[in-house]
Amino acid sequence: METQRLIMRRWRDEDREPFAAMNADPEVMEHFPAPLTRAESDHFVDRIEEEFDKDGHGLWALEVRGSGEFIGFAGLIWQTFDAPFLPAWEIGWRLARPAWGHGYATEAARQALRHAFEEAGLDEIISMTAKSNTRSQAVMKRLGMTHLADFGHSRLAPDHPLFPHVAYHIKRP
């Protein structure tokens, strides 16, 4: 898939190194329990590719048109952990720091939503993040998503600073 400035594509082996560097960046991973090791990052790519094979969509690698620079991912992932609104398809994104502040997350997420509703025939998409992640919540609002729930993330201890989470959703127009 393509947007005005991005190519959204399946993953390539050459994406693994910059993806691992992004996942090891403490600032990028500020709203996640911990940065990922190279092995964890590679395993994540393997899981993403398995989901593409199974579902026909997933978390697309993002490449800047013209330069070919890998900047992160955006797309759909099936979520099943313990939360009152799950299981559901989630839209998510993660970008390398140099790509922040350029509108890439919103641009790619809009294309992923278009795919979800028009091509995949999905009826509703959620998105969630730590309550402290105001940048991602701003993207959710720009996408037209509305507040669905405040919840405690079941994979984190109640005293963990990232335990408070927020979920947004959007239904097919």
C-alpha atoms as a PDB file:
ATOM      1  CA  MET A   1       0.000   0.000   0.000  1.00  0.00           C
ATOM      2  CA  GLU A   2       1.096   3.560  -0.508  1.00  0.00           C
ATOM      3  CA  THR A   3       0.250   6.942   0.929  1.00  0.00           C
ATOM      4  CA  GLN A   4       1.364  10.336  -0.281  1.00  0.00           C
ATOM      5  CA  ARG A   5       4.741   9.980   1.452  1.00  0.00           C
ATOM      6  CA  LEU A   6       5.013   6.340   2.542  1.00  0.00           C
ATOM      7  CA  ILE A   7       5.188   2.805   1.243  1.00  0.00           C
ATOM      8  CA  MET A   8       3.507   0.308   3.582  1.00  0.00           C
ATOM      9  CA  ARG A   9       4.872  -3.128   2.805  1.00  0.00           C
ATOM     10  CA  ARG A  10       5.771  -6.574   4.083  1.00  0.00           C
ATOM     11  CA  TRP A  11       8.989  -6.882   6.045  1.00  0.00           C
ATOM     12  CA  ARG A  12      12.425  -7.482   4.530  1.00  0.00           C
ATOM     13  CA  ASP A  13      15.540  -8.891   6.175  1.00  0.00           C
ATOM     14  CA  GLU A  14      17.238  -5.501   5.876  1.00  0.00           C
ATOM     15  CA  ASP A  15      14.500  -3.983   8.097  1.00  0.00           C
ATOM     16  CA  ARG A  16      15.583  -6.064  11.075  1.00  0.00           C
ATOM     17  CA  GLU A  17      18.661  -4.032  12.033  1.00  0.00           C
ATOM     18  CA  PRO A  18      17.014  -0.575  12.052  1.00  0.00           C
ATOM     19  CA  PHE A  19      13.935  -2.088  13.710  1.00  0.00           C
ATOM     20  CA  ALA A  20      16.080  -3.580  16.472  1.00  0.00           C
ATOM     21  CA  ALA A  21      17.828  -0.227  16.954  1.00  0.00           C
ATOM     22  CA  MET A  22      14.433   1.495  17.211  1.00  0.00           C
ATOM     23  CA  ASN A  23      13.166  -1.090  19.721  1.00  0.00           C
ATOM     24  CA  ALA A  24      16.319  -0.669  21.827  1.00  0.00           C
ATOM     25  CA  ASP A  25      15.847   3.121  22.038  1.00  0.00           C
ATOM     26  CA  PRO A  26      14.613   3.959  25.561  1.00  0.00           C
ATOM     27  CA  GLU A  27      12.782   7.054  24.311  1.00  0.00           C
ATOM     28  CA  VAL A  28      10.906   5.117  21.592  1.00  0.00           C
ATOM     29  CA  MET A  29      10.043   2.429  24.152  1.00  0.00           C
ATOM     30  CA  GLU A  30       9.136   4.865  26.951  1.00  0.00           C
ATOM     31  CA  HIS A  31       5.506   3.667  27.033  1.00  0.00           C
ATOM     32  CA  PHE A  32       6.359  -0.044  26.914  1.00  0.00           C
ATOM     33  CA  PRO A  33       7.592  -2.159  29.835  1.00  0.00           C
ATOM     34  CA  ALA A  34      11.164  -2.345  28.482  1.00  0.00           C
ATOM     35  CA  PRO A  35      13.255  -1.908  25.339  1.00  0.00           C
ATOM     36  CA  LEU A  36      13.598  -5.065  23.259  1.00  0.00           C
ATOM     37  CA  THR A  37      16.753  -7.080  22.729  1.00  0.00           C
ATOM     38  CA  ARG A  38      17.785  -7.904  19.165  1.00  0.00           C
ATOM     39  CA  ALA A  39      16.414 -11.435  19.590  1.00  0.00           C
ATOM     40  CA  GLU A  40      13.073 -10.114  20.903  1.00  0.00           C
ATOM     41  CA  SER A  41      12.874  -7.617  18.048  1.00  0.00           C
ATOM     42  CA  ASP A  42      13.594 -10.311  15.449  1.00  0.00           C
ATOM     43  CA  HIS A  43      10.991 -12.593  17.045  1.00  0.00           C
ATOM     44  CA  PHE A  44       8.451  -9.744  16.780  1.00  0.00           C
ATOM     45  CA  VAL A  45       9.166  -9.428  13.033  1.00  0.00           C
ATOM     46  CA  ASP A  46       8.727 -13.199  12.649  1.00  0.00           C
ATOM     47  CA  ARG A  47       5.366 -12.999  14.449  1.00  0.00           C
ATOM     48  CA  ILE A  48       4.256 -10.054  12.282  1.00  0.00           C
ATOM     49  CA  GLU A  49       5.090 -11.974   9.112  1.00  0.00           C
ATOM     50  CA  GLU A  50       3.223 -15.074  10.376  1.00  0.00           C
ATOM     51  CA  GLU A  51       0.142 -12.899  10.939  1.00  0.00           C
ATOM     52  CA  PHE A  52       0.374 -11.527   7.384  1.00  0.00           C
ATOM     53  CA  ASP A  53       0.467 -15.093   6.082  1.00  0.00           C
ATOM     54  CA  LYS A  54      -2.522 -16.073   8.242  1.00  0.00           C
ATOM     55  CA  ASP A  55      -4.731 -12.954   8.010  1.00  0.00           C
ATOM     56  CA  GLY A  56      -3.597 -11.085   4.881  1.00  0.00           C
ATOM     57  CA  HIS A  57      -2.801  -7.970   6.880  1.00  0.00           C
ATOM     58  CA  GLY A  58      -0.760  -6.934   9.877  1.00  0.00           C
ATOM     59  CA  LEU A  59       1.803  -4.386  10.960  1.00  0.00           C
ATOM     60  CA  TRP A  60       3.275  -3.023   7.720  1.00  0.00           C
ATOM     61  CA  ALA A  61       6.871  -1.865   7.574  1.00  0.00           C
ATOM     62  CA  LEU A  62       6.965   1.854   6.757  1.00  0.00           C
ATOM     63  CA  GLU A  63       9.338   3.164   4.143  1.00  0.00           C
ATOM     64  CA  VAL A  64       9.674   6.811   3.125  1.00  0.00           C
ATOM     65  CA  ARG A  65       8.913   7.164  -0.584  1.00  0.00           C
ATOM     66  CA  GLY A  66      11.890   8.323  -2.579  1.00  0.00           C
ATOM     67  CA  SER A  67      14.564   7.673   0.051  1.00  0.00           C
ATOM     68  CA  GLY A  68      13.615   4.077   0.909  1.00  0.00           C
ATOM     69  CA  GLU A  69      14.354   4.796   4.575  1.00  0.00           C
ATOM     70  CA  PHE A  70      12.749   2.358   7.047  1.00  0.00           C
ATOM     71  CA  ILE A  71      11.037   4.399   9.792  1.00  0.00           C
ATOM     72  CA  GLY A  72       8.905   1.911  11.742  1.00  0.00           C
ATOM     73  CA  PHE A  73       5.548   0.203  11.403  1.00  0.00           C
ATOM     74  CA  ALA A  74       1.820   0.831  11.368  1.00  0.00           C
ATOM     75  CA  GLY A  75      -1.117  -1.472  10.914  1.00  0.00           C
ATOM     76  CA  LEU A  76      -3.351  -4.079  12.449  1.00  0.00           C
ATOM     77  CA  ILE A  77      -2.750  -6.690  15.125  1.00  0.00           C
ATOM     78  CA  TRP A  78      -5.179  -9.133  16.752  1.00  0.00           C
ATOM     79  CA  GLN A  79      -5.244  -8.566  20.536  1.00  0.00           C
ATOM     80  CA  THR A  80      -6.506 -11.188  22.962  1.00  0.00           C
ATOM     81  CA  PHE A  81      -5.114 -10.404  26.417  1.00  0.00           C
ATOM     82  CA  ASP A  82      -7.510  -9.923  29.336  1.00  0.00           C
ATOM     83  CA  ALA A  83      -9.426  -6.651  28.857  1.00  0.00           C
ATOM     84  CA  PRO A  84     -13.203  -6.074  28.754  1.00  0.00           C
ATOM     85  CA  PHE A  85     -13.241  -5.028  25.073  1.00  0.00           C
ATOM     86  CA  LEU A  86     -10.990  -7.828  23.737  1.00  0.00           C
ATOM     87  CA  PRO A  87     -10.510  -9.816  21.581  1.00  0.00           C
ATOM     88  CA  ALA A  88     -10.384  -7.175  18.853  1.00  0.00           C
ATOM     89  CA  TRP A  89      -8.316  -5.859  15.972  1.00  0.00           C
ATOM     90  CA  GLU A  90      -6.033  -3.076  17.135  1.00  0.00           C
ATOM     91  CA  ILE A  91      -4.425  -0.412  15.025  1.00  0.00           C
ATOM     92  CA  GLY A  92      -0.952   0.476  16.191  1.00  0.00           C
ATOM     93  CA  TRP A  93       2.233   2.225  15.157  1.00  0.00           C
ATOM     94  CA  ARG A  94       5.810   2.689  16.303  1.00  0.00           C
ATOM     95  CA  LEU A  95       8.247   5.058  14.660  1.00  0.00           C
ATOM     96  CA  ALA A  96      11.950   5.758  15.036  1.00  0.00           C
ATOM     97  CA  ARG A  97      12.621   9.082  16.764  1.00  0.00           C
ATOM     98  CA  PRO A  98      13.823  10.930  13.619  1.00  0.00           C
ATOM     99  CA  ALA A  99      10.387  10.189  12.068  1.00  0.00           C
ATOM    100  CA  TRP A 100       8.437  11.754  14.956  1.00  0.00           C
ATOM    101  CA  GLY A 101       6.546  14.990  14.417  1.00  0.00           C
ATOM    102  CA  HIS A 102       6.084  14.646  10.657  1.00  0.00           C
ATOM    103  CA  GLY A 103       2.563  13.186  10.632  1.00  0.00           C
ATOM    104  CA  TYR A 104       3.730   9.771   9.413  1.00  0.00           C
ATOM    105  CA  ALA A 105       1.892   7.819  12.129  1.00  0.00           C
ATOM    106  CA  THR A 106      -1.438   9.464  11.300  1.00  0.00           C
ATOM    107  CA  GLU A 107      -0.885   9.116   7.546  1.00  0.00           C
ATOM    108  CA  ALA A 108      -0.045   5.408   7.770  1.00  0.00           C
ATOM    109  CA  ALA A 109      -2.785   4.674  10.309  1.00  0.00           C
ATOM    110  CA  ARG A 110      -5.406   6.308   8.058  1.00  0.00           C
ATOM    111  CA  GLN A 111      -4.343   3.985   5.248  1.00  0.00           C
ATOM    112  CA  ALA A 112      -4.437   0.984   7.590  1.00  0.00           C
ATOM    113  CA  LEU A 113      -7.976   1.938   8.686  1.00  0.00           C
ATOM    114  CA  ARG A 114      -9.032   2.266   5.054  1.00  0.00           C
ATOM    115  CA  HIS A 115      -7.676  -1.232   4.453  1.00  0.00           C
ATOM    116  CA  ALA A 116      -9.390  -2.584   7.587  1.00  0.00           C
ATOM    117  CA  PHE A 117     -12.816  -1.291   6.638  1.00  0.00           C
ATOM    118  CA  GLU A 118     -12.794  -1.391   2.827  1.00  0.00           C
ATOM    119  CA  GLU A 119     -10.641  -4.426   2.030  1.00  0.00           C
ATOM    120  CA  ALA A 120     -10.630  -6.623   5.140  1.00  0.00           C
ATOM    121  CA  GLY A 121     -14.309  -5.951   5.924  1.00  0.00           C
ATOM    122  CA  LEU A 122     -13.699  -5.344   9.617  1.00  0.00           C
ATOM    123  CA  ASP A 123     -16.465  -3.568  11.543  1.00  0.00           C
ATOM    124  CA  GLU A 124     -14.559  -1.999  14.439  1.00  0.00           C
ATOM    125  CA  ILE A 125     -10.944  -1.184  15.265  1.00  0.00           C
ATOM    126  CA  ILE A 126      -9.521  -0.333  18.661  1.00  0.00           C
ATOM    127  CA  SER A 127      -6.290   1.303  19.717  1.00  0.00           C
ATOM    128  CA  MET A 128      -4.766   1.412  23.162  1.00  0.00           C
ATOM    129  CA  THR A 129      -1.794   2.842  24.956  1.00  0.00           C
ATOM    130  CA  ALA A 130      -0.487   3.751  28.345  1.00  0.00           C
ATOM    131  CA  LYS A 131      -2.455   6.655  29.790  1.00  0.00           C
ATOM    132  CA  SER A 132       0.792   8.652  29.894  1.00  0.00           C
ATOM    133  CA  ASN A 133       1.276   8.355  26.116  1.00  0.00           C
ATOM    134  CA  THR A 134      -0.438  11.554  25.042  1.00  0.00           C
ATOM    135  CA  ARG A 135       1.231  11.586  21.595  1.00  0.00           C
ATOM    136  CA  SER A 136      -0.393   8.287  20.599  1.00  0.00           C
ATOM    137  CA  GLN A 137      -3.714   9.412  22.029  1.00  0.00           C
ATOM    138  CA  ALA A 138      -3.473  12.525  19.845  1.00  0.00           C
ATOM    139  CA  VAL A 139      -3.032  10.294  16.772  1.00  0.00           C
ATOM    140  CA  MET A 140      -6.087   8.268  17.820  1.00  0.00           C
ATOM    141  CA  LYS A 141      -8.151  11.448  18.050  1.00  0.00           C
ATOM    142  CA  ARG A 142      -6.877  12.695  14.662  1.00  0.00           C
ATOM    143  CA  LEU A 143      -8.066   9.384  13.193  1.00  0.00           C
ATOM    144  CA  GLY A 144     -11.581  10.092  14.499  1.00  0.00           C
ATOM    145  CA  MET A 145     -11.380   7.464  17.221  1.00  0.00           C
ATOM    146  CA  THR A 146     -13.353   8.012  20.414  1.00  0.00           C
ATOM    147  CA  HIS A 147     -12.674   6.983  24.001  1.00  0.00           C
ATOM    148  CA  LEU A 148     -13.730   3.411  24.735  1.00  0.00           C
ATOM    149  CA  ALA A 149     -12.317   2.587  28.166  1.00  0.00           C
ATOM    150  CA  ASP A 150      -9.801   3.278  30.873  1.00  0.00           C
ATOM    151  CA  PHE A 151      -8.356  -0.011  32.081  1.00  0.00           C
ATOM    152  CA  GLY A 152      -5.453  -1.610  33.859  1.00  0.00           C
ATOM    153  CA  HIS A 153      -3.229  -3.616  31.511  1.00  0.00           C
ATOM    154  CA  SER A 154      -3.522  -7.237  32.639  1.00  0.00           C
ATOM    155  CA  ARG A 155       0.068  -8.039  31.632  1.00  0.00           C
ATOM    156  CA  LEU A 156       1.460  -5.455  34.072  1.00  0.00           C
ATOM    157  CA  ALA A 157       1.472  -5.339  37.856  1.00  0.00           C
ATOM    158  CA  PRO A 158      -1.062  -2.895  39.328  1.00  0.00           C
ATOM    159  CA  ASP A 159       1.781  -0.818  40.827  1.00  0.00           C
ATOM    160  CA  HIS A 160       3.644  -0.587  37.479  1.00  0.00           C
ATOM    161  CA  PRO A 161       3.691   3.017  36.163  1.00  0.00           C
ATOM    162  CA  LEU A 162       2.324   1.844  32.787  1.00  0.00           C
ATOM    163  CA  PHE A 163      -0.554  -0.201  34.279  1.00  0.00           C
ATOM    164  CA  PRO A 164      -3.127   2.585  33.646  1.00  0.00           C
ATOM    165  CA  HIS A 165      -4.130   2.306  30.001  1.00  0.00           C
ATOM    166  CA  VAL A 166      -6.689   3.905  27.745  1.00  0.00           C
ATOM    167  CA  ALA A 167      -8.501   2.427  24.735  1.00  0.00           C
ATOM    168  CA  TYR A 168     -10.125   4.208  21.809  1.00  0.00           C
ATOM    169  CA  HIS A 169     -12.235   2.778  18.994  1.00  0.00           C
ATOM    170  CA  ILE A 170     -13.733   3.528  15.621  1.00  0.00           C
ATOM    171  CA  LYS A 171     -16.454   1.719  13.690  1.00  0.00           C
ATOM    172  CA  ARG A 172     -16.719   1.204   9.975  1.00  0.00           C
ATOM    173  CA  PRO A 173     -18.392   4.266   8.414  1.00  0.00           C
END
